[in-house]
């Protein structure tokens, strides 16, 4: 796997690069601002871009805007956002295309090496990985009318889907059978009106509905 890292902190850039190298993941470019990210993505066509939200010059949302531009320039480019802050509207922006390959983790999660590497591999493979705290804050701030039809258990399953868990992992977490999880997910898709589509990933669309309410 080949990745590009966009992060203004030298220590974090170096740290993440070394951590990934230990796992056999190559960092083809490590840059400090949004414009450099766009150039690196265009040059290397990586399997994944790991991007900080707040970078020079204003330290507001440059990284996220650059990531969205990179994803537009290279359709399907997997993006894993690392941030010290929960910017829930950006998580929604990234998921809005209906495509997979999106993650949003708080930087403190990097300290949990196993979880971080799992998220890197999952997002690069086209899955999602949304930090539990991001999910919690989105739920606290956004009214969820489209989800009113879901049962408490279905909401719980959808929350675990948003974290990027597989059906088997969800079943293990809830101590139920794989078949029960598949039934819950089928009910979720039906209640959210998500019909099968060859162009859009229903699992990601369900997570988007969860985040947007």
Protein backbone atom coordinates (compact mmCIF):
# COMPACT_ATOMS: atom_id res chain seq x y z
CA UNK A 1 0.00 0.00 0.00
CA UNK A 2 1.19 3.52 -0.86
CA UNK A 3 0.03 6.57 1.10
CA UNK A 4 0.40 10.35 1.08
CA UNK A 5 0.39 12.18 4.41
CA UNK A 6 -0.62 15.84 4.75
CA UNK A 7 0.12 17.16 8.24
CA UNK A 8 1.75 20.42 9.36
CA UNK A 9 3.32 18.90 12.50
CA UNK A 10 6.75 17.50 11.65
CA UNK A 11 6.68 15.16 14.64
CA UNK A 12 3.34 13.67 13.67
CA UNK A 13 4.34 13.34 10.01
CA UNK A 14 7.49 11.46 10.97
CA UNK A 15 5.71 9.41 13.60
CA UNK A 16 2.92 8.26 11.32
CA UNK A 17 5.40 7.53 8.52
CA UNK A 18 7.46 5.29 10.80
CA UNK A 19 4.40 3.61 12.26
CA UNK A 20 3.13 2.76 8.79
CA UNK A 21 6.57 1.57 7.67
CA UNK A 22 6.60 -0.88 10.56
CA UNK A 23 3.39 -2.33 9.10
CA UNK A 24 4.80 -2.59 5.58
CA UNK A 25 2.96 0.50 4.31
CA UNK A 26 4.97 2.91 2.15
CA UNK A 27 4.65 6.69 2.52
CA UNK A 28 5.38 8.09 -0.93
CA UNK A 29 5.03 11.74 0.18
CA UNK A 30 4.67 13.58 3.49
CA UNK A 31 3.68 17.23 3.05
CA UNK A 32 2.66 20.15 5.27
CA UNK A 33 -0.11 21.98 3.41
CA UNK A 34 -3.11 21.53 1.16
CA UNK A 35 -1.54 22.60 -2.10
CA UNK A 36 1.34 20.18 -1.60
CA UNK A 37 -1.21 17.44 -0.94
CA UNK A 38 -2.88 18.07 -4.30
CA UNK A 39 0.49 17.96 -6.06
CA UNK A 40 1.51 14.76 -4.26
CA UNK A 41 -1.77 13.01 -5.09
CA UNK A 42 -1.50 14.02 -8.75
CA UNK A 43 2.09 12.78 -8.93
CA UNK A 44 1.88 9.54 -6.96
CA UNK A 45 -1.76 8.42 -7.27
CA UNK A 46 -1.62 6.83 -3.80
CA UNK A 47 -3.86 4.14 -2.38
CA UNK A 48 -4.76 6.44 0.51
CA UNK A 49 -4.40 10.07 1.61
CA UNK A 50 -4.06 10.74 5.35
CA UNK A 51 -4.99 14.36 5.95
CA UNK A 52 -5.10 16.82 8.84
CA UNK A 53 -8.07 19.22 8.91
CA UNK A 54 -6.31 22.40 10.01
CA UNK A 55 -3.14 23.32 8.12
CA UNK A 56 -1.36 26.49 6.91
CA UNK A 57 -1.94 29.28 6.19
CA UNK A 58 -5.05 29.95 8.30
CA UNK A 59 -5.28 26.66 10.23
CA UNK A 60 -9.04 26.40 9.74
CA UNK A 61 -10.19 23.88 7.13
CA UNK A 62 -7.46 23.92 4.46
CA UNK A 63 -6.70 20.23 4.81
CA UNK A 64 -10.29 19.14 4.45
CA UNK A 65 -10.92 21.40 1.46
CA UNK A 66 -7.75 20.07 -0.18
CA UNK A 67 -8.82 16.49 0.52
CA UNK A 68 -12.20 17.09 -1.09
CA UNK A 69 -10.50 18.65 -4.12
CA UNK A 70 -8.09 15.70 -4.33
CA UNK A 71 -11.01 13.27 -4.16
CA UNK A 72 -12.73 15.19 -6.96
CA UNK A 73 -9.56 15.12 -9.09
CA UNK A 74 -8.96 11.42 -8.41
CA UNK A 75 -12.45 9.88 -8.08
CA UNK A 76 -12.58 7.21 -5.42
CA UNK A 77 -9.37 8.32 -3.72
CA UNK A 78 -9.59 6.92 -0.16
CA UNK A 79 -9.18 9.67 2.45
CA UNK A 80 -8.53 9.22 6.16
CA UNK A 81 -8.91 12.46 8.10
CA UNK A 82 -7.00 12.99 11.34
CA UNK A 83 -8.06 15.90 13.52
CA UNK A 84 -7.84 17.22 17.05
CA UNK A 85 -11.35 18.55 16.61
CA UNK A 86 -14.73 17.13 15.72
CA UNK A 87 -15.84 18.91 12.56
CA UNK A 88 -18.97 16.88 11.93
CA UNK A 89 -20.05 18.76 8.82
CA UNK A 90 -16.82 17.67 7.10
CA UNK A 91 -17.51 14.02 7.81
CA UNK A 92 -20.85 14.49 6.05
CA UNK A 93 -19.16 16.29 3.14
CA UNK A 94 -16.75 13.42 2.63
CA UNK A 95 -19.50 10.82 2.71
CA UNK A 96 -21.90 12.79 0.54
CA UNK A 97 -20.71 11.25 -2.74
CA UNK A 98 -22.04 7.85 -1.67
CA UNK A 99 -18.61 6.31 -2.33
CA UNK A 100 -16.57 4.41 0.23
CA UNK A 101 -12.98 4.88 1.28
CA UNK A 102 -13.57 7.51 3.98
CA UNK A 103 -12.39 7.78 7.57
CA UNK A 104 -12.46 10.44 10.29
CA UNK A 105 -10.39 9.80 13.41
CA UNK A 106 -9.33 12.04 16.26
CA UNK A 107 -5.56 12.30 16.54
CA UNK A 108 -5.55 10.68 19.96
CA UNK A 109 -6.60 7.50 18.17
CA UNK A 110 -3.16 7.32 16.52
CA UNK A 111 -1.77 6.32 19.93
CA UNK A 112 -3.79 3.10 19.64
CA UNK A 113 -1.58 1.62 16.94
CA UNK A 114 -3.66 -1.46 16.22
CA UNK A 115 -6.88 0.52 15.80
CA UNK A 116 -5.17 3.11 13.63
CA UNK A 117 -3.58 0.57 11.29
CA UNK A 118 -6.88 -1.29 11.02
CA UNK A 119 -8.57 1.99 10.05
CA UNK A 120 -5.87 2.73 7.45
CA UNK A 121 -6.32 -0.66 5.82
CA UNK A 122 -10.12 -0.53 6.01
CA UNK A 123 -10.39 2.91 4.41
CA UNK A 124 -7.80 2.09 1.73
CA UNK A 125 -9.90 -0.97 0.86
CA UNK A 126 -12.97 1.22 0.31
CA UNK A 127 -14.58 0.98 3.74
CA UNK A 128 -15.35 3.59 6.38
CA UNK A 129 -13.95 4.33 9.82
CA UNK A 130 -15.61 7.10 11.81
CA UNK A 131 -14.43 7.82 15.35
CA UNK A 132 -16.99 7.10 18.07
CA UNK A 133 -16.60 10.63 19.43
CA UNK A 134 -17.37 12.11 16.02
CA UNK A 135 -20.49 9.97 15.86
CA UNK A 136 -21.51 10.97 19.39
CA UNK A 137 -21.17 14.69 18.69
CA UNK A 138 -23.01 14.44 15.38
CA UNK A 139 -25.86 12.67 17.14
CA UNK A 140 -25.93 15.33 19.86
CA UNK A 141 -26.14 18.23 17.42
CA UNK A 142 -28.23 16.97 14.54
CA UNK A 143 -31.87 16.04 14.76
CA UNK A 144 -32.44 12.67 13.22
CA UNK A 145 -35.90 12.66 11.61
CA UNK A 146 -35.03 10.20 8.81
CA UNK A 147 -33.96 7.68 11.45
CA UNK A 148 -37.15 7.82 13.53
CA UNK A 149 -38.36 4.55 12.03
CA UNK A 150 -35.36 2.59 13.31
CA UNK A 151 -35.56 0.54 16.49
CA UNK A 152 -32.97 1.13 19.25
CA UNK A 153 -31.16 -2.05 18.20
CA UNK A 154 -31.11 -0.97 14.54
CA UNK A 155 -29.68 2.40 15.57
CA UNK A 156 -27.02 0.55 17.55
CA UNK A 157 -26.14 -1.61 14.56
CA UNK A 158 -25.99 1.46 12.29
CA UNK A 159 -23.69 3.20 14.78
CA UNK A 160 -21.30 0.23 14.67
CA UNK A 161 -21.48 0.26 10.86
CA UNK A 162 -20.45 3.93 10.96
CA UNK A 163 -17.38 2.92 12.97
CA UNK A 164 -16.42 0.63 10.07
CA UNK A 165 -17.16 -2.71 11.74
CA UNK A 166 -17.94 -5.74 9.59
CA UNK A 167 -21.09 -7.78 10.11
CA UNK A 168 -19.09 -10.39 12.02
CA UNK A 169 -17.51 -7.75 14.26
CA UNK A 170 -20.93 -6.19 14.91
CA UNK A 171 -22.33 -9.60 15.84
CA UNK A 172 -19.44 -10.18 18.24
CA UNK A 173 -19.85 -6.73 19.80
CA UNK A 174 -23.61 -7.20 20.34
CA UNK A 175 -23.32 -10.92 21.21
CA UNK A 176 -25.78 -11.96 18.51
CA UNK A 177 -25.56 -14.16 15.43
CA UNK A 178 -24.31 -13.02 12.04
CA UNK A 179 -27.77 -13.79 10.70
CA UNK A 180 -29.37 -11.43 13.22
CA UNK A 181 -27.02 -8.65 12.15
CA UNK A 182 -27.79 -9.25 8.47
CA UNK A 183 -31.51 -9.03 9.28
CA UNK A 184 -31.04 -5.75 11.18
CA UNK A 185 -29.02 -4.28 8.31
CA UNK A 186 -31.66 -5.38 5.80
CA UNK A 187 -34.30 -3.64 7.93
CA UNK A 188 -32.14 -0.50 8.12
CA UNK A 189 -31.76 -0.37 4.33
CA UNK A 190 -35.49 -0.90 3.86
CA UNK A 191 -36.53 1.75 6.40
CA UNK A 192 -34.10 4.29 4.96
CA UNK A 193 -35.32 3.56 1.42
CA UNK A 194 -31.92 2.37 0.22
CA UNK A 195 -32.52 0.17 -2.79
CA UNK A 196 -29.71 -1.95 -4.26
CA UNK A 197 -27.57 0.03 -6.71
CA UNK A 198 -24.55 -0.80 -8.84
CA UNK A 199 -23.34 2.78 -8.60
CA UNK A 200 -23.66 3.55 -4.89
CA UNK A 201 -22.64 1.66 -1.76
CA UNK A 202 -25.77 1.18 0.39
CA UNK A 203 -23.72 0.70 3.55
CA UNK A 204 -22.02 4.07 3.06
CA UNK A 205 -25.33 5.73 2.18
CA UNK A 206 -26.80 4.39 5.42
CA UNK A 207 -23.87 5.81 7.39
CA UNK A 208 -24.38 9.15 5.63
CA UNK A 209 -28.03 9.13 6.66
CA UNK A 210 -26.93 8.36 10.20
CA UNK A 211 -24.53 11.31 10.29
CA UNK A 212 -26.87 13.75 8.57
CA UNK A 213 -30.04 12.72 10.34
